[in-house]
Protein backbone atom coordinates (compact mmCIF):
# COMPACT_ATOMS: atom_id res chain seq x y z
CA UNK A 1 -124.62 -33.15 100.49
CA UNK A 2 -124.37 -37.01 100.41
CA UNK A 3 -127.66 -38.83 100.64
CA UNK A 4 -126.53 -40.62 103.81
CA UNK A 5 -126.02 -37.28 105.54
CA UNK A 6 -129.45 -36.06 104.44
CA UNK A 7 -131.01 -39.26 105.73
CA UNK A 8 -129.23 -38.87 109.05
CA UNK A 9 -130.46 -35.31 109.53
CA UNK A 10 -134.03 -36.25 108.63
CA UNK A 11 -134.00 -39.18 111.05
CA UNK A 12 -132.63 -37.01 113.83
CA UNK A 13 -135.19 -34.28 113.17
CA UNK A 14 -138.09 -36.64 113.70
CA UNK A 15 -136.51 -38.84 116.35
CA UNK A 16 -139.21 -38.03 118.90
CA UNK A 17 -142.06 -39.58 116.92
CA UNK A 18 -142.57 -43.08 118.25
CA UNK A 19 -146.26 -43.86 117.85
CA UNK A 20 -147.04 -42.68 114.35
CA UNK A 21 -145.50 -43.47 110.99
CA UNK A 22 -143.97 -40.65 108.97
CA UNK A 23 -144.29 -40.57 105.19
CA UNK A 24 -141.60 -38.73 103.26
CA UNK A 25 -141.60 -38.17 99.52
CA UNK A 26 -137.94 -38.09 98.50
CA UNK A 27 -136.18 -37.44 95.18
CA UNK A 28 -135.50 -40.48 93.04
CA UNK A 29 -132.46 -42.43 94.23
CA UNK A 30 -132.50 -41.14 97.80
CA UNK A 31 -133.17 -43.91 100.27
CA UNK A 32 -133.86 -43.17 103.91
CA UNK A 33 -132.64 -46.39 105.50
CA UNK A 34 -134.19 -47.64 108.73
CA UNK A 35 -136.10 -44.40 109.20
CA UNK A 36 -138.83 -45.93 111.33
CA UNK A 37 -136.29 -47.81 113.42
CA UNK A 38 -134.17 -44.72 114.00
CA UNK A 39 -137.20 -42.71 115.06
CA UNK A 40 -138.23 -45.41 117.52
CA UNK A 41 -134.75 -45.65 118.99
CA UNK A 42 -134.44 -41.89 119.42
CA UNK A 43 -137.82 -41.64 121.14
CA UNK A 44 -137.76 -44.83 123.17
CA UNK A 45 -138.32 -42.96 126.43
CA UNK A 46 -141.91 -42.04 125.66
CA UNK A 47 -143.65 -40.07 128.39
CA UNK A 48 -146.96 -41.29 129.88
CA UNK A 49 -148.65 -38.22 128.42
CA UNK A 50 -147.40 -39.06 124.94
CA UNK A 51 -148.55 -42.64 125.30
CA UNK A 52 -152.00 -41.50 126.39
CA UNK A 53 -152.21 -39.23 123.36
CA UNK A 54 -151.51 -42.10 120.96
CA UNK A 55 -154.16 -42.77 118.30
CA UNK A 56 -157.12 -44.94 119.28
CA UNK A 57 -156.17 -47.40 116.54
CA UNK A 58 -154.59 -49.72 119.11
CA UNK A 59 -158.01 -50.33 120.65
CA UNK A 60 -159.29 -52.13 117.56
CA UNK A 61 -156.71 -54.92 117.58
CA UNK A 62 -159.20 -57.56 118.73
CA UNK A 63 -161.75 -56.71 116.04
CA UNK A 64 -159.30 -57.55 113.27
CA UNK A 65 -159.55 -61.28 113.94
CA UNK A 66 -163.29 -61.52 113.22
CA UNK A 67 -164.33 -61.81 109.55
CA UNK A 68 -166.99 -59.16 108.87
CA UNK A 69 -169.20 -57.68 106.20
CA UNK A 70 -168.61 -53.94 105.88
CA UNK A 71 -171.95 -52.11 105.57
CA UNK A 72 -171.39 -48.54 104.47
CA UNK A 73 -173.57 -45.42 104.10
CA UNK A 74 -172.76 -41.83 103.21
CA UNK A 75 -175.24 -39.95 105.43
CA UNK A 76 -176.31 -40.46 109.04
CA UNK A 77 -180.02 -41.02 108.18
CA UNK A 78 -179.05 -43.70 105.67
CA UNK A 79 -177.64 -45.99 108.34
CA UNK A 80 -179.96 -45.23 111.27
CA UNK A 81 -182.24 -48.12 110.38
CA UNK A 82 -179.27 -50.46 110.06
CA UNK A 83 -177.69 -49.23 113.29
CA UNK A 84 -180.95 -49.71 115.19
CA UNK A 85 -181.01 -53.43 114.34
CA UNK A 86 -177.38 -54.08 115.28
CA UNK A 87 -176.90 -56.55 118.15
CA UNK A 88 -174.05 -56.18 120.66
CA UNK A 89 -172.73 -52.96 119.10
CA UNK A 90 -169.23 -51.80 119.94
CA UNK A 91 -167.74 -48.59 118.58
CA UNK A 92 -164.11 -48.10 117.62
CA UNK A 93 -163.12 -44.56 116.63
CA UNK A 94 -160.27 -44.40 114.13
CA UNK A 95 -159.04 -41.14 112.64
CA UNK A 96 -162.36 -39.39 113.27
CA UNK A 97 -164.58 -42.18 111.92
CA UNK A 98 -166.77 -44.39 114.12
CA UNK A 99 -166.70 -48.06 113.13
CA UNK A 100 -169.51 -49.97 114.84
CA UNK A 101 -169.12 -53.73 115.05
CA UNK A 102 -171.86 -56.16 115.94
CA UNK A 103 -174.33 -58.62 114.48
CA UNK A 104 -176.83 -57.70 111.78
CA UNK A 105 -179.32 -60.23 110.45
CA UNK A 106 -177.23 -63.06 111.88
CA UNK A 107 -173.94 -61.90 110.36
CA UNK A 108 -170.87 -60.23 111.87
CA UNK A 109 -170.62 -56.74 110.41
CA UNK A 110 -168.86 -53.43 110.77
CA UNK A 111 -170.99 -50.36 110.04
CA UNK A 112 -169.53 -46.97 109.23
CA UNK A 113 -170.27 -43.73 107.45
CA UNK A 114 -168.15 -43.14 104.39
CA UNK A 115 -168.65 -39.40 104.42
CA UNK A 116 -170.01 -37.56 101.40
CA UNK A 117 -168.25 -37.68 98.02
CA UNK A 118 -165.49 -39.63 96.38
CA UNK A 119 -162.36 -38.92 98.41
CA UNK A 120 -164.09 -39.39 101.76
CA UNK A 121 -165.63 -42.67 100.59
CA UNK A 122 -162.30 -44.00 99.31
CA UNK A 123 -160.43 -42.97 102.47
CA UNK A 124 -162.85 -44.51 104.95
CA UNK A 125 -163.26 -47.70 102.93
CA UNK A 126 -159.52 -48.25 102.73
CA UNK A 127 -159.26 -47.51 106.45
CA UNK A 128 -161.85 -50.20 107.16
CA UNK A 129 -159.99 -52.72 105.00
CA UNK A 130 -156.74 -51.92 106.77
CA UNK A 131 -158.15 -52.31 110.29
CA UNK A 132 -160.80 -55.03 109.97
CA UNK A 133 -161.04 -58.45 108.37
CA UNK A 134 -163.55 -57.40 105.71
CA UNK A 135 -164.86 -60.19 103.50
CA UNK A 136 -167.35 -58.12 101.50
CA UNK A 137 -168.41 -54.49 101.15
CA UNK A 138 -172.11 -53.56 100.97
CA UNK A 139 -173.06 -49.93 100.32
CA UNK A 140 -176.53 -48.72 101.27
CA UNK A 141 -177.81 -45.27 100.39
CA UNK A 142 -179.68 -42.88 98.15
CA UNK A 143 -179.08 -41.75 94.58
CA UNK A 144 -180.42 -39.64 91.76
CA UNK A 145 -182.41 -41.43 89.08
CA UNK A 146 -181.13 -41.23 85.49
CA UNK A 147 -183.13 -43.90 83.65
CA UNK A 148 -186.56 -42.43 82.74
CA UNK A 149 -188.11 -45.84 83.48
CA UNK A 150 -187.21 -45.46 87.16
CA UNK A 151 -188.97 -43.37 89.75
CA UNK A 152 -188.41 -42.11 93.28
CA UNK A 153 -188.27 -44.90 95.84
CA UNK A 154 -187.01 -47.55 93.41
CA UNK A 155 -183.86 -49.38 94.47
CA UNK A 156 -181.11 -50.07 91.94
CA UNK A 157 -178.38 -52.66 92.44
CA UNK A 158 -176.04 -51.88 89.55
CA UNK A 159 -173.76 -54.48 87.97
CA UNK A 160 -170.98 -51.95 87.46
CA UNK A 161 -169.95 -48.46 88.50
CA UNK A 162 -167.92 -45.79 86.71
CA UNK A 163 -166.17 -42.62 87.86
CA UNK A 164 -167.74 -40.51 85.15
CA UNK A 165 -166.40 -37.13 86.28
CA UNK A 166 -162.79 -38.21 85.91
CA UNK A 167 -162.28 -35.94 82.94
CA UNK A 168 -160.24 -33.58 80.82
CA UNK A 169 -161.54 -30.06 80.29
CA UNK A 170 -160.54 -29.57 76.67
CA UNK A 171 -159.21 -26.47 74.95
CA UNK A 172 -161.60 -24.57 72.72
CA UNK A 173 -160.23 -24.17 69.20
CA UNK A 174 -162.47 -22.79 66.48
CA UNK A 175 -165.77 -24.65 66.53
CA UNK A 176 -164.41 -27.70 68.33
CA UNK A 177 -162.33 -28.96 71.23
CA UNK A 178 -158.72 -30.10 71.30
CA UNK A 179 -157.58 -32.75 73.76
CA UNK A 180 -154.04 -32.87 75.16
CA UNK A 181 -151.85 -35.72 73.82
CA UNK A 182 -152.32 -37.97 76.85
CA UNK A 183 -156.14 -37.85 76.75
CA UNK A 184 -158.49 -40.18 74.91
CA UNK A 185 -162.04 -39.82 73.68
CA UNK A 186 -163.56 -42.99 75.09
CA UNK A 187 -167.02 -41.47 75.56
CA UNK A 188 -169.03 -38.65 74.06
CA UNK A 189 -168.12 -35.29 75.57
CA UNK A 190 -170.40 -32.83 77.33
CA UNK A 191 -169.12 -29.56 75.95
CA UNK A 192 -165.53 -29.19 77.09
CA UNK A 193 -165.81 -32.18 79.47
CA UNK A 194 -164.28 -35.41 78.12
CA UNK A 195 -164.62 -38.40 80.50
CA UNK A 196 -161.47 -40.46 81.02
CA UNK A 197 -160.48 -43.80 82.50
CA UNK A 198 -159.00 -43.81 85.99
CA UNK A 199 -155.68 -45.25 87.07
CA UNK A 200 -155.68 -48.22 89.45
CA UNK A 201 -152.65 -49.45 91.36
CA UNK A 202 -152.89 -52.88 92.93
CA UNK A 203 -151.27 -56.29 93.19
CA UNK A 204 -153.23 -57.36 90.12
CA UNK A 205 -150.54 -55.95 87.83
CA UNK A 206 -146.97 -54.65 87.98
CA UNK A 207 -147.96 -51.45 86.23
CA UNK A 208 -150.91 -49.09 86.88
CA UNK A 209 -154.08 -50.17 85.11
CA UNK A 210 -156.46 -47.88 83.26
CA UNK A 211 -160.17 -48.68 83.46
CA UNK A 212 -163.56 -46.98 83.62
CA UNK A 213 -165.94 -49.62 84.99
CA UNK A 214 -165.69 -51.44 88.31
CA UNK A 215 -167.97 -54.45 88.56
CA UNK A 216 -170.08 -55.60 91.46
CA UNK A 217 -169.41 -59.15 92.63
CA UNK A 218 -171.37 -61.69 90.58
CA UNK A 219 -172.20 -63.96 93.53
CA UNK A 220 -173.46 -61.01 95.55
CA UNK A 221 -175.58 -59.91 92.60
CA UNK A 222 -177.13 -63.38 92.48
CA UNK A 223 -178.07 -63.08 96.16
CA UNK A 224 -179.54 -59.64 95.49
CA UNK A 225 -181.65 -61.01 92.63
CA UNK A 226 -183.05 -63.76 94.84
CA UNK A 227 -183.79 -61.39 97.72
CA UNK A 228 -185.38 -58.75 95.49
CA UNK A 229 -188.27 -61.10 94.75
CA UNK A 230 -189.17 -61.35 98.44
CA UNK A 231 -188.82 -57.77 99.74
CA UNK A 232 -191.57 -55.16 99.53
CA UNK A 233 -190.67 -51.48 99.68
CA UNK A 234 -192.39 -48.52 101.33
CA UNK A 235 -194.26 -46.00 99.18
CA UNK A 236 -195.11 -43.35 101.80
CA UNK A 237 -192.65 -40.93 103.37
CA UNK A 238 -195.41 -39.64 105.65
CA UNK A 239 -199.10 -40.47 105.97
CA UNK A 240 -199.93 -37.70 103.50
CA UNK A 241 -196.79 -37.97 101.32
CA UNK A 242 -196.95 -41.11 99.22
CA UNK A 243 -195.63 -42.17 95.85
CA UNK A 244 -198.12 -42.72 93.07
CA UNK A 245 -197.03 -46.36 92.72
CA UNK A 246 -195.17 -49.00 94.70
CA UNK A 247 -191.38 -48.83 94.31
CA UNK A 248 -189.55 -51.62 92.50
CA UNK A 249 -186.14 -53.24 92.79
CA UNK A 250 -183.87 -53.40 89.73
CA UNK A 251 -180.76 -55.60 89.80
CA UNK A 252 -178.42 -54.93 86.89
CA UNK A 253 -177.39 -52.07 84.65
CA UNK A 254 -174.84 -49.37 85.30
CA UNK A 255 -174.32 -46.60 87.82
CA UNK A 256 -171.92 -43.66 87.85
CA UNK A 257 -170.42 -41.60 90.65
CA UNK A 258 -168.68 -38.24 90.84
CA UNK A 259 -167.96 -35.31 93.08
CA UNK A 260 -170.91 -33.22 91.86
CA UNK A 261 -174.52 -33.19 93.07
CA UNK A 262 -176.49 -33.36 89.83
CA UNK A 263 -179.79 -31.48 89.51
CA UNK A 264 -179.75 -30.69 85.80
CA UNK A 265 -182.14 -32.21 83.25
CA UNK A 266 -179.83 -31.78 80.25
CA UNK A 267 -176.83 -33.32 81.98
CA UNK A 268 -179.05 -36.15 83.22
CA UNK A 269 -179.97 -36.96 79.60
CA UNK A 270 -176.29 -36.90 78.65
CA UNK A 271 -175.40 -39.35 81.43
CA UNK A 272 -178.17 -41.73 80.41
CA UNK A 273 -177.22 -41.62 76.72
CA UNK A 274 -173.45 -41.75 77.18
CA UNK A 275 -172.99 -44.29 79.96
CA UNK A 276 -176.30 -46.13 79.89
CA UNK A 277 -176.54 -45.34 83.58
CA UNK A 278 -179.62 -46.02 85.67
CA UNK A 279 -178.49 -43.98 88.67
CA UNK A 280 -175.84 -41.52 89.74
CA UNK A 281 -174.39 -40.73 93.14
CA UNK A 282 -171.26 -39.39 94.82
CA UNK A 283 -169.64 -42.44 96.43
CA UNK A 284 -170.36 -45.90 95.00
CA UNK A 285 -167.75 -45.96 92.22
CA UNK A 286 -165.06 -44.75 94.63
CA UNK A 287 -165.85 -47.62 97.01
CA UNK A 288 -165.97 -50.04 94.07
CA UNK A 289 -162.54 -48.76 92.98
CA UNK A 290 -161.05 -49.44 96.43
CA UNK A 291 -162.74 -52.85 96.60
CA UNK A 292 -161.32 -53.77 93.18
CA UNK A 293 -157.81 -52.67 94.12
CA UNK A 294 -157.98 -54.78 97.30
CA UNK A 295 -159.75 -57.74 95.62
CA UNK A 296 -162.71 -57.59 98.02
CA UNK A 297 -166.27 -58.39 96.81
CA UNK A 298 -168.47 -55.29 96.49
CA UNK A 299 -172.11 -54.45 95.89
CA UNK A 300 -174.15 -51.24 96.25
CA UNK A 301 -177.86 -50.71 96.92
CA UNK A 302 -179.07 -47.26 95.87
CA UNK A 303 -182.63 -46.04 96.37
CA UNK A 304 -183.79 -43.05 94.34
CA UNK A 305 -184.46 -39.96 96.45
CA UNK A 306 -184.71 -37.64 93.43
CA UNK A 307 -184.51 -37.61 89.64
CA UNK A 308 -181.25 -35.66 89.24
CA UNK A 309 -183.06 -32.71 87.69
CA UNK A 310 -185.49 -34.77 85.64
CA UNK A 311 -188.56 -33.98 87.72
CA UNK A 312 -191.12 -31.34 86.80
CA UNK A 313 -190.84 -29.38 90.05
CA UNK A 314 -188.10 -28.66 92.56
CA UNK A 315 -185.56 -31.31 93.51
CA UNK A 316 -187.33 -34.06 95.42
CA UNK A 317 -184.50 -35.19 97.69
CA UNK A 318 -185.61 -33.33 100.84
CA UNK A 319 -189.10 -34.84 100.60
CA UNK A 320 -188.16 -38.44 99.89
CA UNK A 321 -184.71 -38.75 101.51
CA UNK A 322 -186.03 -40.73 104.50
CA UNK A 323 -188.21 -42.99 102.34
CA UNK A 324 -185.36 -43.79 99.97
CA UNK A 325 -182.97 -44.44 102.87
CA UNK A 326 -185.44 -46.79 104.55
CA UNK A 327 -186.07 -48.73 101.33
CA UNK A 328 -182.37 -49.21 100.70
CA UNK A 329 -181.74 -50.28 104.30
CA UNK A 330 -184.67 -52.70 104.24
CA UNK A 331 -183.30 -54.46 101.18
CA UNK A 332 -179.76 -54.49 102.58
CA UNK A 333 -180.88 -56.16 105.81
CA UNK A 334 -182.65 -58.89 103.85
CA UNK A 335 -179.59 -59.21 101.62
CA UNK A 336 -177.16 -59.57 104.55
CA UNK A 337 -179.42 -62.21 106.09
CA UNK A 338 -179.41 -64.16 102.82
CA UNK A 339 -175.65 -64.00 102.29
CA UNK A 340 -174.02 -67.44 102.57
CA UNK A 341 -172.27 -68.18 105.85
CA UNK A 342 -168.93 -68.69 104.12
CA UNK A 343 -169.09 -65.05 102.99
CA UNK A 344 -168.97 -64.15 106.68
């Protein structure tokens, strides 16, 4: 069947869709000309009920004109402290995610929850960039500690983030492992797991780019360094649950993110030795990836809620989750206040 006939049938089949874009993956060489226009023409007589059922995205049109700092967290408790200090909050719900605009520490911001893990974080971050005028992305949340010099409650502001679980599971052959032809051994493996670079598509290059590390913005890191000298952190989760020492703030080093919750001492040692990582989490590198692809400044503040399996007893996250969240939020509020006006 000629491609023009196929295109005509496809356009006719979806002619009633007027309010939402359709995405079709077609064989190479097949072009569906004026698909969106044909669909709109076919469904021009939209009923009131259909119009009422349209996505809420239209309601956020006014917010797009205001330059904002995106402040992101993965869990509800992580952003409660930030949300409580927001002035003139307004909520826009887009595709199941609440984006709350307002003023935080004298700056126009949009707060939202990324959702847990890499895909959720990437999706919601890109959605925010598409719908709001985002001038910088600031992530606030908890993490597992990897560096033995760090302890629960400490806040790490890493200089770079890597997607360390982007990997090839190699084939066992004899006493070793065999990688497929397309894979590289850029880092030491953990058994059959061989970490790989990720592919990035953006306007930075005509062809997809391969890279492992995504850097935090240097100017934002400078602000974080200045602020870190002035902020004191909490050491008690409850009156009778306190850390043995006051938490510290570390600006610099590396962090890694992946889709696994890590509570394993041996794997923790591997991550520290292989990537030189201070912390690990499940979102920051994904957000850094999206920020890099969109050329938007990014920084992440991660407070240690547990030691990723390195502690002597059970995982500490449940005990110190609230403390770690509060410490990260406290530093982020001071950071946002200190950000230069031209960044907002």
